[in-house]
Amino acid sequence: MHVLRKISLSIVCLALAAGAARASEWLLEDAKTGSVERRIEAMLTLAYAGNRAVFWICVDNLGRVSSDESGSTREERLRRAAAESLGRLRDARAVPYLVARYGEEKKVLVKKSIVYALSRFRHKDALPVIRDALSSGEDDLAFEGARAASASGNREFAGLLKDLAAKAGEGRVRAMALYALVTLGEDADANAAALGAYLGMKDPELRYWAAVLLNEAHRKDQLLPMLRAREIESVEWVKRALDESIARLAAYRE
């Protein structure tokens, strides 16, 4: 009976493996020849799974640009998904393609996705792109640029981040710039306190980002302000962010 059970389990494992292989083949075909929606879904699914067989398909889709305006929105979404998928794959061969596409790209949201992808690599060729994003004057792009600057660990971005924090107003771009300065060790305590002040902002999105970013920066000194903010918070999704961040920061403290 024990031997039969082993044989049965082996058959099940082989069947599951064969099924997974067929599913990958179908997804790869969708990523190449499917509708825009199916290409997007297939690329993201394969990239999340770490399936590098989709790499060159993503590179090809990254450069998809319509000759007319009729397909521009759909292909913009396709290029965004291709960029994000290349970032998820963490295959350094993607860097020159991402950098080149950034230089040619006209759509801000696609450029934002490219900056996100490049943030997944600590590569010197990504640094000029991050600098451009930080100084772009486009909120979405600057926000992602600040996140990428943090991920790079490169303190050469401190000056641009300080300028961004000074000029960005009280919105999420400044919050991300402050976070990046904290994680890069630039006046970390003062910038963490400035980010902590966002816990009392009127806009719930800003309170949310303060909770998330203080947690990501492991700022245990902001635990008490977060507990106070949680006592009076009225928005459920901000409450959830505070609860998660407070729990993690308390664990870091211990």
Protein backbone atom coordinates (compact mmCIF):
# COMPACT_ATOMS: atom_id res chain seq x y z
CA MET A 1 0.00 0.00 0.00
CA HIS A 2 2.85 2.36 0.86
CA VAL A 3 4.47 1.73 -2.55
CA LEU A 4 1.15 2.30 -4.34
CA ARG A 5 0.69 5.58 -2.48
CA LYS A 6 4.16 6.71 -3.60
CA ILE A 7 3.36 5.79 -7.21
CA SER A 8 0.04 7.65 -7.05
CA LEU A 9 1.71 10.77 -5.65
CA SER A 10 4.33 10.63 -8.38
CA ILE A 11 1.63 10.45 -11.05
CA VAL A 12 -0.19 13.42 -9.52
CA CYS A 13 3.04 15.46 -9.39
CA LEU A 14 3.82 14.65 -13.01
CA ALA A 15 0.30 15.61 -14.04
CA LEU A 16 0.56 18.90 -12.17
CA ALA A 17 3.94 19.63 -13.74
CA ALA A 18 2.59 18.83 -17.20
CA GLY A 19 -0.41 21.06 -16.56
CA ALA A 20 1.84 23.90 -15.41
CA ALA A 21 4.01 23.51 -18.51
CA ARG A 22 0.96 23.67 -20.78
CA ALA A 23 -0.32 26.72 -18.89
CA SER A 24 3.04 28.45 -19.38
CA GLU A 25 2.94 27.67 -23.10
CA TRP A 26 -0.56 29.14 -23.39
CA LEU A 27 0.47 32.25 -21.46
CA LEU A 28 3.57 32.71 -23.61
CA GLU A 29 1.44 32.47 -26.74
CA ASP A 30 -1.00 35.01 -25.28
CA ALA A 31 1.89 37.36 -24.45
CA LYS A 32 3.05 37.18 -28.07
CA THR A 33 -0.13 37.16 -30.12
CA GLY A 34 -3.13 37.78 -27.87
CA SER A 35 -5.23 40.92 -27.58
CA VAL A 36 -3.67 43.80 -25.65
CA GLU A 37 -5.58 42.78 -22.52
CA ARG A 38 -4.42 39.16 -22.78
CA ARG A 39 -0.82 40.19 -23.48
CA ILE A 40 -0.84 42.37 -20.39
CA GLU A 41 -2.28 39.65 -18.18
CA ALA A 42 0.07 37.00 -19.56
CA MET A 43 3.22 39.10 -19.18
CA LEU A 44 2.42 40.10 -15.62
CA THR A 45 1.45 36.56 -14.61
CA LEU A 46 4.62 35.04 -16.05
CA ALA A 47 6.80 37.78 -14.58
CA TYR A 48 5.32 37.35 -11.10
CA ALA A 49 6.09 33.64 -11.45
CA GLY A 50 9.68 34.47 -12.43
CA ASN A 51 9.35 32.76 -15.80
CA ARG A 52 12.19 34.23 -17.87
CA ALA A 53 10.87 32.66 -21.04
CA VAL A 54 8.74 35.81 -21.37
CA PHE A 55 11.78 38.14 -21.33
CA TRP A 56 12.12 38.79 -25.08
CA ILE A 57 8.36 39.04 -25.50
CA CYS A 58 8.36 41.82 -22.89
CA VAL A 59 11.22 43.57 -24.68
CA ASP A 60 9.24 43.42 -27.93
CA ASN A 61 6.05 44.72 -26.27
CA LEU A 62 8.03 47.51 -24.58
CA GLY A 63 8.60 49.04 -28.00
CA ARG A 64 5.03 48.72 -29.30
CA VAL A 65 3.97 52.14 -30.57
CA SER A 66 1.01 52.74 -32.88
CA SER A 67 1.48 54.58 -36.15
CA ASP A 68 -1.84 56.32 -35.45
CA GLU A 69 -3.66 57.54 -32.36
CA SER A 70 -6.40 54.90 -32.41
CA GLY A 71 -4.36 52.31 -30.52
CA SER A 72 -2.20 54.65 -28.49
CA THR A 73 -3.98 54.18 -25.13
CA ARG A 74 -4.03 50.40 -25.40
CA GLU A 75 -0.39 50.25 -26.44
CA GLU A 76 0.55 52.64 -23.67
CA ARG A 77 -0.91 50.13 -21.22
CA LEU A 78 0.98 47.37 -23.02
CA ARG A 79 4.29 49.20 -22.71
CA ARG A 80 3.63 49.85 -19.02
CA ALA A 81 2.98 46.17 -18.36
CA ALA A 82 6.05 45.17 -20.36
CA ALA A 83 8.26 47.53 -18.37
CA GLU A 84 6.86 46.40 -15.02
CA SER A 85 7.24 42.75 -16.03
CA LEU A 86 10.89 43.28 -16.96
CA GLY A 87 11.43 44.79 -13.55
CA ARG A 88 9.72 41.85 -11.85
CA LEU A 89 11.93 39.39 -13.73
CA ARG A 90 15.06 41.07 -12.33
CA ASP A 91 17.04 40.08 -15.41
CA ALA A 92 19.82 42.65 -15.87
CA ARG A 93 19.69 42.21 -19.64
CA ALA A 94 16.58 44.42 -19.47
CA VAL A 95 18.44 47.54 -18.31
CA PRO A 96 19.65 48.84 -21.72
CA TYR A 97 16.22 48.26 -23.27
CA LEU A 98 14.48 50.09 -20.43
CA VAL A 99 16.93 52.99 -20.55
CA ALA A 100 16.59 53.30 -24.34
CA ARG A 101 12.78 53.20 -24.18
CA TYR A 102 12.77 55.87 -21.47
CA GLY A 103 14.71 58.20 -23.76
CA GLU A 104 12.19 57.72 -26.57
CA GLU A 105 8.97 57.51 -24.53
CA LYS A 106 6.47 60.39 -24.63
CA LYS A 107 3.90 59.11 -22.13
CA VAL A 108 4.55 60.02 -18.50
CA LEU A 109 2.89 56.92 -17.05
CA VAL A 110 5.00 54.63 -19.25
CA LYS A 111 8.12 56.48 -18.13
CA LYS A 112 6.96 56.01 -14.54
CA SER A 113 6.68 52.25 -15.11
CA ILE A 114 10.17 52.21 -16.62
CA VAL A 115 11.58 54.02 -13.59
CA TYR A 116 9.84 51.47 -11.35
CA ALA A 117 11.40 48.65 -13.36
CA LEU A 118 14.87 50.18 -13.17
CA SER A 119 14.49 50.58 -9.40
CA ARG A 120 14.62 46.79 -9.21
CA PHE A 121 18.25 46.87 -10.40
CA ARG A 122 21.11 48.68 -8.72
CA HIS A 123 22.69 49.48 -12.06
CA LYS A 124 24.80 52.51 -12.93
CA ASP A 125 23.02 52.97 -16.26
CA ALA A 126 19.75 53.58 -14.39
CA LEU A 127 21.14 56.59 -12.51
CA PRO A 128 20.64 59.20 -15.30
CA VAL A 129 17.04 58.03 -15.69
CA ILE A 130 16.39 58.46 -11.97
CA ARG A 131 17.95 61.94 -12.08
CA ASP A 132 15.71 62.88 -15.00
CA ALA A 133 12.61 61.59 -13.22
CA LEU A 134 13.41 63.57 -10.06
CA SER A 135 13.80 66.81 -12.00
CA SER A 136 10.98 66.18 -14.51
CA GLY A 137 8.36 68.40 -12.88
CA GLU A 138 5.80 65.61 -13.39
CA ASP A 139 4.30 64.45 -10.08
CA ASP A 140 3.84 60.79 -11.04
CA LEU A 141 7.33 60.57 -12.47
CA ALA A 142 9.00 62.45 -9.61
CA PHE A 143 7.19 60.26 -7.07
CA GLU A 144 8.55 57.11 -8.71
CA GLY A 145 11.95 58.72 -9.14
CA ALA A 146 12.15 59.40 -5.40
CA ARG A 147 11.24 55.79 -4.66
CA ALA A 148 13.90 54.62 -7.13
CA ALA A 149 16.48 56.95 -5.60
CA SER A 150 15.80 55.33 -2.23
CA ALA A 151 16.10 51.84 -3.71
CA SER A 152 19.40 52.75 -5.37
CA GLY A 153 21.09 53.46 -2.03
CA ASN A 154 23.02 56.21 -3.82
CA ARG A 155 23.48 59.37 -1.77
CA GLU A 156 24.31 61.41 -4.85
CA PHE A 157 20.54 61.94 -5.19
CA ALA A 158 20.33 63.82 -1.88
CA GLY A 159 20.54 67.27 -3.47
CA LEU A 160 17.79 66.57 -5.99
CA LEU A 161 15.62 65.03 -3.28
CA LYS A 162 16.04 68.05 -1.02
CA ASP A 163 15.08 70.33 -3.91
CA LEU A 164 12.07 68.14 -4.63
CA ALA A 165 10.95 68.16 -1.00
CA ALA A 166 11.30 71.94 -0.87
CA LYS A 167 9.34 72.60 -4.08
CA ALA A 168 6.74 69.84 -4.12
CA GLY A 169 4.22 71.30 -1.67
CA GLU A 170 2.63 69.11 0.99
CA GLY A 171 1.61 66.23 -1.27
CA ARG A 172 2.68 62.64 -1.77
CA VAL A 173 5.72 63.64 -3.87
CA ARG A 174 7.22 65.47 -0.90
CA ALA A 175 6.36 62.53 1.35
CA MET A 176 8.27 60.15 -0.93
CA ALA A 177 11.20 62.58 -1.17
CA LEU A 178 11.37 62.77 2.63
CA TYR A 179 11.25 58.97 2.83
CA ALA A 180 14.10 58.68 0.33
CA LEU A 181 16.20 61.14 2.31
CA VAL A 182 15.55 59.15 5.49
CA THR A 183 16.55 55.84 3.90
CA LEU A 184 19.68 57.41 2.39
CA GLY A 185 20.71 58.74 5.81
CA GLU A 186 20.34 62.43 4.99
CA ASP A 187 19.20 64.30 8.13
CA ALA A 188 17.27 61.12 8.85
CA ASP A 189 15.74 62.13 12.19
CA ALA A 190 14.54 65.54 10.99
CA ASN A 191 13.16 64.15 7.75
CA ALA A 192 11.45 61.27 9.55
CA ALA A 193 9.78 63.77 11.87
CA ALA A 194 8.65 65.82 8.86
CA LEU A 195 7.22 62.66 7.33
CA GLY A 196 5.57 61.82 10.66
CA ALA A 197 3.74 65.15 10.51
CA TYR A 198 1.81 63.72 7.56
CA LEU A 199 -0.03 61.48 10.04
CA GLY A 200 -2.06 64.55 10.96
CA MET A 201 -2.81 65.73 7.42
CA LYS A 202 -6.40 66.32 6.33
CA ASP A 203 -5.99 64.22 3.15
CA PRO A 204 -6.35 60.48 4.02
CA GLU A 205 -4.02 59.51 1.15
CA LEU A 206 -1.22 61.45 2.80
CA ARG A 207 -1.90 59.83 6.18
CA TYR A 208 -1.79 56.47 4.42
CA TRP A 209 1.57 57.19 2.81
CA ALA A 210 3.00 58.41 6.10
CA ALA A 211 2.03 55.13 7.78
CA VAL A 212 3.41 52.98 4.97
CA LEU A 213 6.66 54.88 4.45
CA LEU A 214 7.54 55.22 8.14
CA ASN A 215 7.13 51.47 8.41
CA GLU A 216 9.26 50.81 5.32
CA ALA A 217 11.94 53.10 6.75
CA HIS A 218 11.82 51.17 10.07
CA ARG A 219 11.32 54.40 12.00
CA LYS A 220 10.66 53.05 15.47
CA ASP A 221 10.86 56.58 16.88
CA GLN A 222 7.58 57.35 15.09
CA LEU A 223 5.67 54.52 16.76
CA LEU A 224 4.09 56.71 19.44
CA PRO A 225 2.82 59.34 16.93
CA MET A 226 1.39 56.48 14.87
CA LEU A 227 -0.42 55.07 17.90
CA ARG A 228 -1.90 58.49 18.59
CA ALA A 229 -2.92 58.85 14.95
CA ARG A 230 -4.60 55.43 15.05
CA GLU A 231 -6.77 56.49 18.02
CA ILE A 232 -8.45 59.23 16.01
CA GLU A 233 -8.31 57.77 12.47
CA SER A 234 -11.74 57.48 10.84
CA VAL A 235 -10.91 56.08 7.37
CA GLU A 236 -10.86 52.27 7.26
CA TRP A 237 -8.09 51.78 4.70
CA VAL A 238 -5.85 54.20 6.56
CA LYS A 239 -6.64 52.35 9.80
CA ARG A 240 -5.51 49.10 8.19
CA ALA A 241 -2.26 50.69 7.03
CA LEU A 242 -1.64 52.08 10.51
CA ASP A 243 -2.43 48.75 12.17
CA GLU A 244 0.02 46.88 9.95
CA SER A 245 2.75 49.48 10.33
CA ILE A 246 2.34 49.71 14.10
CA ALA A 247 2.53 45.93 14.45
CA ARG A 248 5.71 45.76 12.38
CA LEU A 249 7.38 48.69 14.07
CA ALA A 250 6.60 47.20 17.47
CA ALA A 251 8.23 43.95 16.32
CA TYR A 252 11.30 45.86 15.11
CA ARG A 253 11.54 47.53 18.52
CA GLU A 254 11.58 44.19 20.30
